[in-house]
Amino acid sequence: MPILSEKVRSRVKSIFSELESPVKLVLFTQEFECETCADTRQLLEELSSLSEKIKLEVYDFVSDKDRVEKYKIDKIPAIVVEGKKDYGIRFYGIPGGYEFNSLLHAIQIVSSQNSGLSQEVKNMLKSLTKPIHIQVFVTLTCPYCPMAVETAHKIALESDLVRAEMIDATEFPHLANKYQVFAVPKVVINDKISFEGALPELSFVRHVLKA
């Protein structure tokens, strides 16, 4: 049974018709011990069938160790949204619910190679000198979470030093416990700086610079 309804498929086709450069979705999965791996794979297969510019590659988390190391994947299901290069854009957990729009947004900005960030924010990001790891904890029923995820992904697209991840707190409760995720979205930067809520991009980047 398809995951995407005909109405959603039609909307996605319209969005994908405006894609500029090809996008590769790299999925890391495993046949066993992953509750949402099968659904995540089906979702990406359905998405990739809607445009010739979307290519899907699937790797096994255990046997494809070279790919796991290349993309620095440490849990599954994991999705890398890659364009002309790997921009550090990641999804951990099935991007369903409100986060489906975050996935579509990631595909769009990677295809266009345009973050859409203001020039002021772009200039601020140029001052980065050390790697930045952004984790955005979400739940799929949170209407405010996509804004935080999309801002993090924009920052990753803009700077080669940034890796930004959406993490479904319900799928990875050990991480939610580790980072004391009591409300979402919760953003954790380099395990040093954290904040809750979907902040405007300027405020978000100021936290990034603090880290």
N, C-alpha and C. Protein backbone atom coordinates (compact mmCIF):
# COMPACT_ATOMS: atom_id res chain seq x y z
N MET A 1 0.85 -1.20 0.00
CA MET A 1 0.00 0.00 0.00
C MET A 1 0.88 1.25 0.00
N PRO A 2 0.63 2.20 -0.91
CA PRO A 2 1.46 3.40 -0.98
C PRO A 2 1.36 4.24 0.29
N ILE A 3 2.46 4.89 0.62
CA ILE A 3 2.49 5.79 1.76
C ILE A 3 1.91 7.15 1.37
N LEU A 4 2.27 7.61 0.17
CA LEU A 4 1.83 8.93 -0.29
C LEU A 4 0.49 8.83 -1.02
N SER A 5 -0.44 9.67 -0.65
CA SER A 5 -1.73 9.71 -1.33
C SER A 5 -1.55 10.36 -2.70
N GLU A 6 -2.54 10.20 -3.55
CA GLU A 6 -2.48 10.79 -4.88
C GLU A 6 -2.38 12.32 -4.80
N LYS A 7 -3.07 12.89 -3.82
CA LYS A 7 -3.02 14.35 -3.65
C LYS A 7 -1.61 14.81 -3.30
N VAL A 8 -0.96 14.08 -2.39
CA VAL A 8 0.40 14.43 -1.99
C VAL A 8 1.37 14.19 -3.15
N ARG A 9 1.20 13.09 -3.84
CA ARG A 9 2.06 12.78 -4.99
C ARG A 9 1.98 13.90 -6.04
N SER A 10 0.79 14.39 -6.27
CA SER A 10 0.59 15.46 -7.24
C SER A 10 1.31 16.74 -6.79
N ARG A 11 1.20 17.04 -5.49
CA ARG A 11 1.87 18.24 -4.96
C ARG A 11 3.38 18.11 -5.06
N VAL A 12 3.90 16.92 -4.72
CA VAL A 12 5.34 16.70 -4.76
C VAL A 12 5.87 16.75 -6.19
N LYS A 13 5.11 16.18 -7.13
CA LYS A 13 5.51 16.24 -8.54
C LYS A 13 5.64 17.69 -9.00
N SER A 14 4.72 18.52 -8.57
CA SER A 14 4.76 19.93 -8.92
C SER A 14 6.01 20.60 -8.37
N ILE A 15 6.35 20.27 -7.12
CA ILE A 15 7.56 20.83 -6.49
C ILE A 15 8.80 20.33 -7.20
N PHE A 16 8.84 19.04 -7.48
CA PHE A 16 10.02 18.44 -8.12
C PHE A 16 10.19 18.91 -9.56
N SER A 17 9.13 19.36 -10.20
CA SER A 17 9.25 19.81 -11.59
C SER A 17 10.12 21.06 -11.69
N GLU A 18 10.33 21.74 -10.56
CA GLU A 18 11.13 22.96 -10.55
C GLU A 18 12.55 22.72 -10.03
N LEU A 19 12.91 21.48 -9.78
CA LEU A 19 14.26 21.19 -9.31
C LEU A 19 15.28 21.55 -10.40
N GLU A 20 16.42 22.03 -9.96
CA GLU A 20 17.44 22.46 -10.90
C GLU A 20 18.48 21.37 -11.14
N SER A 21 19.26 21.06 -10.12
CA SER A 21 20.30 20.04 -10.25
C SER A 21 19.82 18.73 -9.63
N PRO A 22 20.38 17.60 -10.07
CA PRO A 22 20.01 16.29 -9.50
C PRO A 22 20.31 16.21 -8.01
N VAL A 23 19.51 15.43 -7.31
CA VAL A 23 19.68 15.21 -5.88
C VAL A 23 19.73 13.71 -5.62
N LYS A 24 20.66 13.31 -4.76
CA LYS A 24 20.78 11.90 -4.39
C LYS A 24 20.35 11.71 -2.95
N LEU A 25 19.40 10.81 -2.73
CA LEU A 25 18.98 10.44 -1.38
C LEU A 25 19.71 9.16 -1.01
N VAL A 26 20.53 9.22 0.02
CA VAL A 26 21.31 8.06 0.46
C VAL A 26 20.69 7.54 1.75
N LEU A 27 20.15 6.34 1.68
CA LEU A 27 19.47 5.75 2.84
C LEU A 27 20.32 4.66 3.46
N PHE A 28 20.47 4.73 4.77
CA PHE A 28 21.12 3.66 5.53
C PHE A 28 20.05 2.95 6.34
N THR A 29 19.99 1.65 6.16
CA THR A 29 18.91 0.88 6.77
C THR A 29 19.44 -0.48 7.20
N GLN A 30 18.54 -1.32 7.64
CA GLN A 30 18.89 -2.66 8.09
C GLN A 30 17.60 -3.47 8.12
N GLU A 31 17.70 -4.72 7.76
CA GLU A 31 16.50 -5.54 7.67
C GLU A 31 15.88 -5.78 9.04
N PHE A 32 16.73 -5.93 10.06
CA PHE A 32 16.22 -6.20 11.40
C PHE A 32 16.59 -5.07 12.35
N GLU A 33 15.95 -5.01 13.48
CA GLU A 33 16.26 -4.08 14.57
C GLU A 33 16.11 -2.61 14.18
N CYS A 34 15.16 -2.33 13.34
CA CYS A 34 14.87 -0.94 12.99
C CYS A 34 13.39 -0.83 12.69
N GLU A 35 12.66 -0.24 13.59
CA GLU A 35 11.19 -0.24 13.52
C GLU A 35 10.65 0.49 12.30
N THR A 36 11.31 1.57 11.90
CA THR A 36 10.78 2.38 10.79
C THR A 36 11.61 2.29 9.52
N CYS A 37 12.58 1.39 9.48
CA CYS A 37 13.45 1.30 8.30
C CYS A 37 12.68 0.97 7.03
N ALA A 38 11.78 -0.01 7.11
CA ALA A 38 11.03 -0.42 5.92
C ALA A 38 10.16 0.71 5.40
N ASP A 39 9.47 1.40 6.30
CA ASP A 39 8.61 2.51 5.88
C ASP A 39 9.44 3.67 5.31
N THR A 40 10.59 3.91 5.90
CA THR A 40 11.46 4.98 5.40
C THR A 40 11.93 4.67 3.98
N ARG A 41 12.30 3.41 3.76
CA ARG A 41 12.73 3.01 2.42
C ARG A 41 11.59 3.16 1.41
N GLN A 42 10.39 2.72 1.80
CA GLN A 42 9.26 2.83 0.89
C GLN A 42 8.96 4.30 0.57
N LEU A 43 9.04 5.15 1.58
CA LEU A 43 8.78 6.57 1.37
C LEU A 43 9.76 7.15 0.36
N LEU A 44 11.04 6.82 0.51
CA LEU A 44 12.05 7.37 -0.40
C LEU A 44 11.92 6.77 -1.80
N GLU A 45 11.52 5.51 -1.88
CA GLU A 45 11.30 4.90 -3.20
C GLU A 45 10.16 5.60 -3.93
N GLU A 46 9.10 5.92 -3.19
CA GLU A 46 7.97 6.62 -3.80
C GLU A 46 8.38 8.03 -4.22
N LEU A 47 9.16 8.71 -3.39
CA LEU A 47 9.61 10.06 -3.74
C LEU A 47 10.50 10.05 -4.98
N SER A 48 11.45 9.13 -5.00
CA SER A 48 12.41 9.10 -6.11
C SER A 48 11.74 8.73 -7.43
N SER A 49 10.58 8.08 -7.35
CA SER A 49 9.86 7.71 -8.57
C SER A 49 9.13 8.89 -9.19
N LEU A 50 9.07 10.01 -8.47
CA LEU A 50 8.30 11.16 -8.93
C LEU A 50 9.12 12.16 -9.75
N SER A 51 10.43 11.92 -9.84
CA SER A 51 11.27 12.82 -10.63
C SER A 51 12.53 12.11 -11.09
N GLU A 52 12.90 12.36 -12.32
CA GLU A 52 14.14 11.79 -12.84
C GLU A 52 15.37 12.43 -12.19
N LYS A 53 15.17 13.54 -11.53
CA LYS A 53 16.30 14.23 -10.89
C LYS A 53 16.57 13.73 -9.48
N ILE A 54 15.74 12.81 -9.00
CA ILE A 54 15.93 12.23 -7.66
C ILE A 54 16.44 10.81 -7.81
N LYS A 55 17.61 10.54 -7.25
CA LYS A 55 18.19 9.20 -7.29
C LYS A 55 18.29 8.66 -5.87
N LEU A 56 17.93 7.42 -5.69
CA LEU A 56 17.98 6.78 -4.37
C LEU A 56 19.07 5.72 -4.33
N GLU A 57 19.92 5.79 -3.31
CA GLU A 57 20.91 4.75 -3.05
C GLU A 57 20.65 4.19 -1.66
N VAL A 58 20.67 2.88 -1.53
CA VAL A 58 20.37 2.24 -0.25
C VAL A 58 21.57 1.40 0.19
N TYR A 59 21.97 1.59 1.45
CA TYR A 59 23.09 0.84 2.00
C TYR A 59 22.71 0.19 3.32
N ASP A 60 23.36 -0.93 3.59
CA ASP A 60 23.13 -1.64 4.84
C ASP A 60 24.06 -1.09 5.92
N PHE A 61 23.48 -0.79 7.06
CA PHE A 61 24.23 -0.16 8.15
C PHE A 61 25.36 -1.05 8.66
N VAL A 62 25.20 -2.37 8.54
CA VAL A 62 26.21 -3.29 9.06
C VAL A 62 27.24 -3.67 8.01
N SER A 63 26.79 -4.06 6.83
CA SER A 63 27.71 -4.59 5.83
C SER A 63 28.42 -3.52 4.98
N ASP A 64 27.79 -2.37 4.81
CA ASP A 64 28.41 -1.33 3.99
C ASP A 64 29.19 -0.35 4.86
N LYS A 65 30.21 -0.86 5.52
CA LYS A 65 30.94 -0.07 6.51
C LYS A 65 31.67 1.12 5.91
N ASP A 66 32.15 0.95 4.67
CA ASP A 66 32.88 2.05 4.05
C ASP A 66 31.97 3.26 3.83
N ARG A 67 30.72 3.00 3.42
CA ARG A 67 29.77 4.09 3.22
C ARG A 67 29.34 4.70 4.55
N VAL A 68 29.17 3.85 5.55
CA VAL A 68 28.81 4.32 6.88
C VAL A 68 29.87 5.28 7.41
N GLU A 69 31.13 4.92 7.22
CA GLU A 69 32.23 5.77 7.68
C GLU A 69 32.34 7.04 6.85
N LYS A 70 32.12 6.91 5.55
CA LYS A 70 32.21 8.08 4.66
C LYS A 70 31.21 9.15 5.08
N TYR A 71 29.98 8.73 5.37
CA TYR A 71 28.94 9.70 5.72
C TYR A 71 28.79 9.91 7.23
N LYS A 72 29.62 9.22 8.01
CA LYS A 72 29.60 9.36 9.48
C LYS A 72 28.22 9.08 10.05
N ILE A 73 27.67 7.93 9.66
CA ILE A 73 26.35 7.53 10.13
C ILE A 73 26.49 6.67 11.38
N ASP A 74 25.71 6.98 12.42
CA ASP A 74 25.84 6.24 13.68
C ASP A 74 24.53 5.64 14.18
N LYS A 75 23.45 5.78 13.40
CA LYS A 75 22.17 5.20 13.78
C LYS A 75 21.28 5.13 12.54
N ILE A 76 20.23 4.34 12.64
CA ILE A 76 19.33 4.17 11.48
C ILE A 76 17.87 4.21 11.92
N PRO A 77 16.96 4.52 10.97
CA PRO A 77 17.23 4.88 9.59
C PRO A 77 17.87 6.25 9.46
N ALA A 78 18.77 6.38 8.50
CA ALA A 78 19.48 7.63 8.26
C ALA A 78 19.34 8.01 6.80
N ILE A 79 19.10 9.28 6.56
CA ILE A 79 18.99 9.78 5.19
C ILE A 79 19.98 10.92 5.00
N VAL A 80 20.76 10.82 3.94
CA VAL A 80 21.65 11.90 3.52
C VAL A 80 21.04 12.52 2.27
N VAL A 81 20.90 13.83 2.26
CA VAL A 81 20.41 14.54 1.08
C VAL A 81 21.62 15.20 0.44
N GLU A 82 22.03 14.64 -0.70
CA GLU A 82 23.29 15.04 -1.33
C GLU A 82 23.05 15.60 -2.72
N GLY A 83 23.78 16.63 -3.07
CA GLY A 83 23.71 17.21 -4.39
C GLY A 83 25.03 17.07 -5.10
N LYS A 84 25.57 18.19 -5.57
CA LYS A 84 26.87 18.15 -6.22
C LYS A 84 27.96 17.73 -5.24
N LYS A 85 27.65 17.85 -3.95
CA LYS A 85 28.53 17.37 -2.89
C LYS A 85 27.68 17.06 -1.67
N ASP A 86 28.32 16.51 -0.66
CA ASP A 86 27.63 16.23 0.60
C ASP A 86 27.66 17.50 1.44
N TYR A 87 26.49 18.09 1.67
CA TYR A 87 26.41 19.33 2.42
C TYR A 87 26.26 19.11 3.93
N GLY A 88 26.22 17.86 4.35
CA GLY A 88 26.07 17.60 5.78
C GLY A 88 24.63 17.61 6.25
N ILE A 89 23.70 17.44 5.33
CA ILE A 89 22.27 17.44 5.67
C ILE A 89 21.82 16.02 5.95
N ARG A 90 21.28 15.79 7.15
CA ARG A 90 20.91 14.45 7.59
C ARG A 90 19.51 14.41 8.21
N PHE A 91 18.88 13.23 8.08
CA PHE A 91 17.64 12.93 8.79
C PHE A 91 17.83 11.60 9.49
N TYR A 92 17.56 11.55 10.78
CA TYR A 92 17.59 10.29 11.54
C TYR A 92 16.18 10.00 12.04
N GLY A 93 15.62 8.92 11.51
CA GLY A 93 14.22 8.62 11.77
C GLY A 93 13.42 8.92 10.52
N ILE A 94 12.26 8.35 10.42
CA ILE A 94 11.44 8.57 9.23
C ILE A 94 10.93 10.01 9.19
N PRO A 95 11.15 10.71 8.08
CA PRO A 95 10.68 12.10 7.98
C PRO A 95 9.20 12.15 7.60
N GLY A 96 8.37 11.75 8.53
CA GLY A 96 6.94 11.74 8.32
C GLY A 96 6.29 12.91 9.04
N GLY A 97 4.97 12.95 9.02
CA GLY A 97 4.26 14.03 9.70
C GLY A 97 4.71 15.39 9.17
N TYR A 98 4.90 16.32 10.09
CA TYR A 98 5.35 17.65 9.68
C TYR A 98 6.75 17.63 9.07
N GLU A 99 7.55 16.63 9.42
CA GLU A 99 8.93 16.59 8.93
C GLU A 99 9.03 16.16 7.47
N PHE A 100 7.92 15.71 6.89
CA PHE A 100 7.93 15.43 5.45
C PHE A 100 8.25 16.70 4.67
N ASN A 101 7.71 17.81 5.14
CA ASN A 101 7.99 19.09 4.48
C ASN A 101 9.46 19.48 4.64
N SER A 102 10.08 19.10 5.76
CA SER A 102 11.50 19.37 5.96
C SER A 102 12.34 18.62 4.93
N LEU A 103 11.93 17.39 4.63
CA LEU A 103 12.65 16.60 3.63
C LEU A 103 12.51 17.24 2.25
N LEU A 104 11.30 17.66 1.90
CA LEU A 104 11.10 18.32 0.61
C LEU A 104 11.92 19.61 0.53
N HIS A 105 11.96 20.34 1.63
CA HIS A 105 12.74 21.58 1.68
C HIS A 105 14.23 21.29 1.47
N ALA A 106 14.73 20.25 2.11
CA ALA A 106 16.15 19.89 1.97
C ALA A 106 16.47 19.54 0.52
N ILE A 107 15.58 18.80 -0.12
CA ILE A 107 15.78 18.44 -1.52
C ILE A 107 15.82 19.70 -2.39
N GLN A 108 14.95 20.62 -2.12
CA GLN A 108 14.88 21.85 -2.91
C GLN A 108 16.14 22.70 -2.77
N ILE A 109 16.62 22.91 -1.55
CA ILE A 109 17.79 23.78 -1.38
C ILE A 109 19.06 23.11 -1.89
N VAL A 110 19.14 21.79 -1.76
CA VAL A 110 20.30 21.08 -2.29
C VAL A 110 20.30 21.13 -3.81
N SER A 111 19.13 20.99 -4.40
CA SER A 111 19.03 21.06 -5.86
C SER A 111 19.41 22.44 -6.39
N SER A 112 18.97 23.47 -5.69
CA SER A 112 19.23 24.84 -6.13
C SER A 112 20.59 25.35 -5.67
N GLN A 113 21.18 24.67 -4.68
CA GLN A 113 22.44 25.10 -4.06
C GLN A 113 22.31 26.52 -3.51
N ASN A 114 21.12 26.83 -3.05
CA ASN A 114 20.83 28.16 -2.51
C ASN A 114 20.16 28.01 -1.15
N SER A 115 20.84 28.45 -0.11
CA SER A 115 20.31 28.31 1.25
C SER A 115 19.15 29.24 1.52
N GLY A 116 19.13 30.37 0.84
CA GLY A 116 18.08 31.35 1.10
C GLY A 116 18.33 32.18 2.35
N LEU A 117 19.48 31.98 2.99
CA LEU A 117 19.81 32.77 4.18
C LEU A 117 20.13 34.21 3.78
N SER A 118 19.93 35.13 4.72
CA SER A 118 20.23 36.53 4.46
C SER A 118 21.73 36.72 4.30
N GLN A 119 22.11 37.79 3.63
CA GLN A 119 23.54 38.06 3.44
C GLN A 119 24.24 38.28 4.77
N GLU A 120 23.54 38.88 5.72
CA GLU A 120 24.14 39.09 7.04
C GLU A 120 24.50 37.76 7.69
N VAL A 121 23.59 36.80 7.62
CA VAL A 121 23.84 35.48 8.20
C VAL A 121 24.96 34.77 7.45
N LYS A 122 24.97 34.87 6.14
CA LYS A 122 26.02 34.25 5.35
C LYS A 122 27.39 34.79 5.74
N ASN A 123 27.47 36.09 5.95
CA ASN A 123 28.74 36.70 6.36
C ASN A 123 29.17 36.21 7.73
N MET A 124 28.21 36.04 8.62
CA MET A 124 28.52 35.54 9.97
C MET A 124 29.09 34.13 9.90
N LEU A 125 28.51 33.30 9.04
CA LEU A 125 28.96 31.91 8.92
C LEU A 125 30.37 31.80 8.34
N LYS A 126 30.78 32.80 7.60
CA LYS A 126 32.13 32.78 7.03
C LYS A 126 33.20 32.88 8.10
N SER A 127 32.81 33.31 9.29
CA SER A 127 33.79 33.43 10.38
C SER A 127 34.05 32.11 11.10
N LEU A 128 33.28 31.07 10.75
CA LEU A 128 33.49 29.77 11.39
C LEU A 128 34.86 29.21 11.03
N THR A 129 35.53 28.63 12.02
CA THR A 129 36.86 28.04 11.79
C THR A 129 36.94 26.60 12.25
N LYS A 130 35.92 26.14 12.98
CA LYS A 130 35.92 24.77 13.51
C LYS A 130 34.63 24.05 13.14
N PRO A 131 34.66 22.72 13.10
CA PRO A 131 33.46 21.96 12.74
C PRO A 131 32.31 22.20 13.71
N ILE A 132 31.11 22.26 13.16
CA ILE A 132 29.89 22.47 13.94
C ILE A 132 28.94 21.30 13.69
N HIS A 133 28.44 20.73 14.77
CA HIS A 133 27.50 19.61 14.69
C HIS A 133 26.18 20.06 15.32
N ILE A 134 25.15 20.19 14.49
CA ILE A 134 23.84 20.63 14.97
C ILE A 134 22.88 19.45 14.98
N GLN A 135 22.28 19.19 16.14
CA GLN A 135 21.26 18.16 16.27
C GLN A 135 19.94 18.85 16.62
N VAL A 136 18.93 18.62 15.79
CA VAL A 136 17.61 19.20 16.05
C VAL A 136 16.66 18.06 16.41
N PHE A 137 16.28 18.01 17.67
CA PHE A 137 15.36 16.97 18.14
C PHE A 137 13.92 17.40 17.89
N VAL A 138 13.16 16.49 17.29
CA VAL A 138 11.79 16.81 16.90
C VAL A 138 10.86 15.66 17.27
N THR A 139 9.58 15.92 17.15
CA THR A 139 8.58 14.85 17.06
C THR A 139 7.79 15.13 15.79
N LEU A 140 7.23 14.09 15.21
CA LEU A 140 6.58 14.24 13.92
C LEU A 140 5.24 14.98 14.00
N THR A 141 4.76 15.20 15.22
CA THR A 141 3.49 15.92 15.40
C THR A 141 3.71 17.38 15.81
N CYS A 142 4.95 17.82 15.80
CA CYS A 142 5.28 19.19 16.23
C CYS A 142 5.26 20.14 15.03
N PRO A 143 4.32 21.09 15.01
CA PRO A 143 4.22 21.99 13.85
C PRO A 143 5.32 23.04 13.78
N TYR A 144 6.03 23.25 14.90
CA TYR A 144 7.08 24.27 14.93
C TYR A 144 8.46 23.69 14.61
N CYS A 145 8.58 22.38 14.67
CA CYS A 145 9.88 21.74 14.48
C CYS A 145 10.48 21.92 13.09
N PRO A 146 9.69 21.85 12.02
CA PRO A 146 10.28 22.01 10.69
C PRO A 146 11.06 23.32 10.51
N MET A 147 10.61 24.38 11.15
CA MET A 147 11.32 25.65 11.01
C MET A 147 12.75 25.53 11.54
N ALA A 148 12.90 24.86 12.69
CA ALA A 148 14.23 24.68 13.27
C ALA A 148 15.08 23.76 12.40
N VAL A 149 14.47 22.68 11.92
CA VAL A 149 15.19 21.74 11.06
C VAL A 149 15.64 22.42 9.77
N GLU A 150 14.74 23.16 9.16
CA GLU A 150 15.06 23.81 7.89
C GLU A 150 16.15 24.87 8.05
N THR A 151 16.11 25.60 9.16
CA THR A 151 17.17 26.60 9.41
C THR A 151 18.51 25.92 9.58
N ALA A 152 18.53 24.82 10.32
CA ALA A 152 19.78 24.07 10.51
C ALA A 152 20.32 23.56 9.18
N HIS A 153 19.45 23.05 8.33
CA HIS A 153 19.87 22.54 7.04
C HIS A 153 20.36 23.65 6.12
N LYS A 154 19.74 24.82 6.20
CA LYS A 154 20.21 25.97 5.43
C LYS A 154 21.64 26.34 5.83
N ILE A 155 21.89 26.31 7.13
CA ILE A 155 23.23 26.64 7.64
C ILE A 155 24.25 25.62 7.16
N ALA A 156 23.85 24.34 7.16
CA ALA A 156 24.75 23.29 6.68
C ALA A 156 25.05 23.46 5.19
N LEU A 157 24.06 23.84 4.43
CA LEU A 157 24.27 24.05 3.00
C LEU A 157 25.24 25.21 2.77
N GLU A 158 25.16 26.19 3.62
CA GLU A 158 25.97 27.41 3.44
C GLU A 158 27.42 27.23 3.89
N SER A 159 27.66 26.36 4.85
CA SER A 159 29.01 26.20 5.39
C SER A 159 29.48 24.75 5.36
N ASP A 160 30.65 24.53 4.80
CA ASP A 160 31.24 23.19 4.75
C ASP A 160 31.63 22.67 6.13
N LEU A 161 31.66 23.55 7.11
CA LEU A 161 32.06 23.15 8.46
C LEU A 161 30.88 22.65 9.29
N VAL A 162 29.67 22.73 8.75
CA VAL A 162 28.47 22.40 9.53
C VAL A 162 27.83 21.10 9.05
N ARG A 163 27.48 20.25 10.02
CA ARG A 163 26.65 19.07 9.77
C ARG A 163 25.38 19.24 10.60
N ALA A 164 24.23 19.15 9.94
CA ALA A 164 22.96 19.41 10.63
C ALA A 164 22.03 18.21 10.49
N GLU A 165 21.49 17.77 11.61
CA GLU A 165 20.70 16.54 11.65
C GLU A 165 19.33 16.76 12.27
N MET A 166 18.31 16.24 11.62
CA MET A 166 17.01 16.09 12.26
C MET A 166 17.01 14.75 12.98
N ILE A 167 16.61 14.72 14.22
CA ILE A 167 16.55 13.48 14.99
C ILE A 167 15.17 13.36 15.62
N ASP A 168 14.47 12.29 15.29
CA ASP A 168 13.16 12.04 15.89
C ASP A 168 13.37 11.54 17.32
N ALA A 169 12.97 12.37 18.27
CA ALA A 169 13.20 12.06 19.68
C ALA A 169 12.51 10.77 20.11
N THR A 170 11.37 10.45 19.50
CA THR A 170 10.65 9.24 19.89
C THR A 170 11.32 7.98 19.37
N GLU A 171 12.05 8.08 18.27
CA GLU A 171 12.76 6.92 17.72
C GLU A 171 14.08 6.67 18.42
N PHE A 172 14.65 7.71 19.00
CA PHE A 172 15.94 7.57 19.67
C PHE A 172 15.84 8.09 21.09
N PRO A 173 15.09 7.38 21.94
CA PRO A 173 14.84 7.86 23.31
C PRO A 173 16.11 7.97 24.15
N HIS A 174 17.13 7.15 23.83
CA HIS A 174 18.38 7.24 24.60
C HIS A 174 19.06 8.59 24.37
N LEU A 175 18.93 9.11 23.16
CA LEU A 175 19.50 10.43 22.88
C LEU A 175 18.64 11.53 23.49
N ALA A 176 17.33 11.36 23.44
CA ALA A 176 16.44 12.33 24.05
C ALA A 176 16.70 12.43 25.55
N ASN A 177 16.98 11.28 26.16
CA ASN A 177 17.31 11.26 27.58
C ASN A 177 18.67 11.90 27.84
N LYS A 178 19.64 11.58 26.99
CA LYS A 178 21.00 12.11 27.16
C LYS A 178 21.01 13.63 27.10
N TYR A 179 20.25 14.18 26.16
CA TYR A 179 20.25 15.63 25.96
C TYR A 179 19.08 16.32 26.65
N GLN A 180 18.37 15.57 27.48
CA GLN A 180 17.27 16.12 28.28
C GLN A 180 16.26 16.87 27.41
N VAL A 181 15.75 16.13 26.46
CA VAL A 181 14.75 16.70 25.55
C VAL A 181 13.38 16.57 26.18
N PHE A 182 12.90 17.65 26.76
CA PHE A 182 11.59 17.67 27.40
C PHE A 182 10.57 18.44 26.57
N ALA A 183 11.06 19.22 25.62
CA ALA A 183 10.19 19.98 24.71
C ALA A 183 10.89 20.06 23.36
N VAL A 184 10.10 20.12 22.31
CA VAL A 184 10.67 20.19 20.97
C VAL A 184 10.12 21.40 20.21
N PRO A 185 10.90 21.92 19.25
CA PRO A 185 12.22 21.45 18.88
C PRO A 185 13.27 21.82 19.93
N LYS A 186 14.24 20.94 20.10
CA LYS A 186 15.40 21.25 20.93
C LYS A 186 16.64 21.12 20.07
N VAL A 187 17.45 22.15 20.07
CA VAL A 187 18.65 22.19 19.25
C VAL A 187 19.88 22.07 20.13
N VAL A 188 20.76 21.15 19.77
CA VAL A 188 22.00 20.93 20.51
C VAL A 188 23.16 21.16 19.54
N ILE A 189 24.08 22.03 19.90
CA ILE A 189 25.19 22.38 19.02
C ILE A 189 26.51 22.00 19.69
N ASN A 190 27.24 21.10 19.05
CA ASN A 190 28.55 20.64 19.54
C ASN A 190 28.51 20.15 20.99
N ASP A 191 27.36 19.66 21.41
CA ASP A 191 27.19 19.16 22.78
C ASP A 191 27.46 20.24 23.84
N LYS A 192 27.53 21.50 23.42
CA LYS A 192 27.87 22.58 24.35
C LYS A 192 26.72 23.57 24.54
N ILE A 193 26.14 23.94 23.44
CA ILE A 193 25.08 24.95 23.45
C ILE A 193 23.75 24.28 23.10
N SER A 194 22.70 24.63 23.82
CA SER A 194 21.38 24.08 23.47
C SER A 194 20.30 25.12 23.74
N PHE A 195 19.22 25.00 22.99
CA PHE A 195 18.08 25.89 23.20
C PHE A 195 16.84 25.20 22.67
N GLU A 196 15.70 25.67 23.14
CA GLU A 196 14.41 25.13 22.70
C GLU A 196 13.67 26.17 21.89
N GLY A 197 12.89 25.70 20.95
CA GLY A 197 12.08 26.60 20.15
C GLY A 197 12.66 26.83 18.77
N ALA A 198 11.80 27.32 17.88
CA ALA A 198 12.20 27.61 16.51
C ALA A 198 12.59 29.09 16.41
N LEU A 199 13.87 29.35 16.55
CA LEU A 199 14.35 30.73 16.55
C LEU A 199 14.51 31.27 15.13
N PRO A 200 14.41 32.58 14.97
CA PRO A 200 14.73 33.20 13.68
C PRO A 200 16.18 32.87 13.31
N GLU A 201 16.49 32.88 12.02
CA GLU A 201 17.81 32.45 11.58
C GLU A 201 18.96 33.24 12.20
N LEU A 202 18.79 34.53 12.42
CA LEU A 202 19.86 35.34 12.99
C LEU A 202 20.17 34.89 14.42
N SER A 203 19.13 34.66 15.21
CA SER A 203 19.34 34.20 16.59
C SER A 203 19.93 32.79 16.60
N PHE A 204 19.48 31.95 15.68
CA PHE A 204 19.99 30.58 15.57
C PHE A 204 21.49 30.61 15.30
N VAL A 205 21.91 31.42 14.35
CA VAL A 205 23.32 31.47 13.97
C VAL A 205 24.19 32.04 15.09
N ARG A 206 23.64 32.93 15.85
CA ARG A 206 24.40 33.46 16.99
C ARG A 206 24.73 32.34 17.98
N HIS A 207 23.81 31.42 18.17
CA HIS A 207 24.08 30.25 19.02
C HIS A 207 25.15 29.36 18.39
N VAL A 208 25.10 29.23 17.08
CA VAL A 208 26.11 28.44 16.37
C VAL A 208 27.49 29.02 16.59
N LEU A 209 27.61 30.33 16.50
CA LEU A 209 28.91 30.99 16.66
C LEU A 209 29.42 30.85 18.09
N LYS A 210 28.51 30.81 19.06
CA LYS A 210 28.93 30.61 20.45
C LYS A 210 29.60 29.27 20.65
N ALA A 211 29.13 28.29 19.89
CA ALA A 211 29.67 26.92 20.04
C ALA A 211 31.04 26.78 19.41
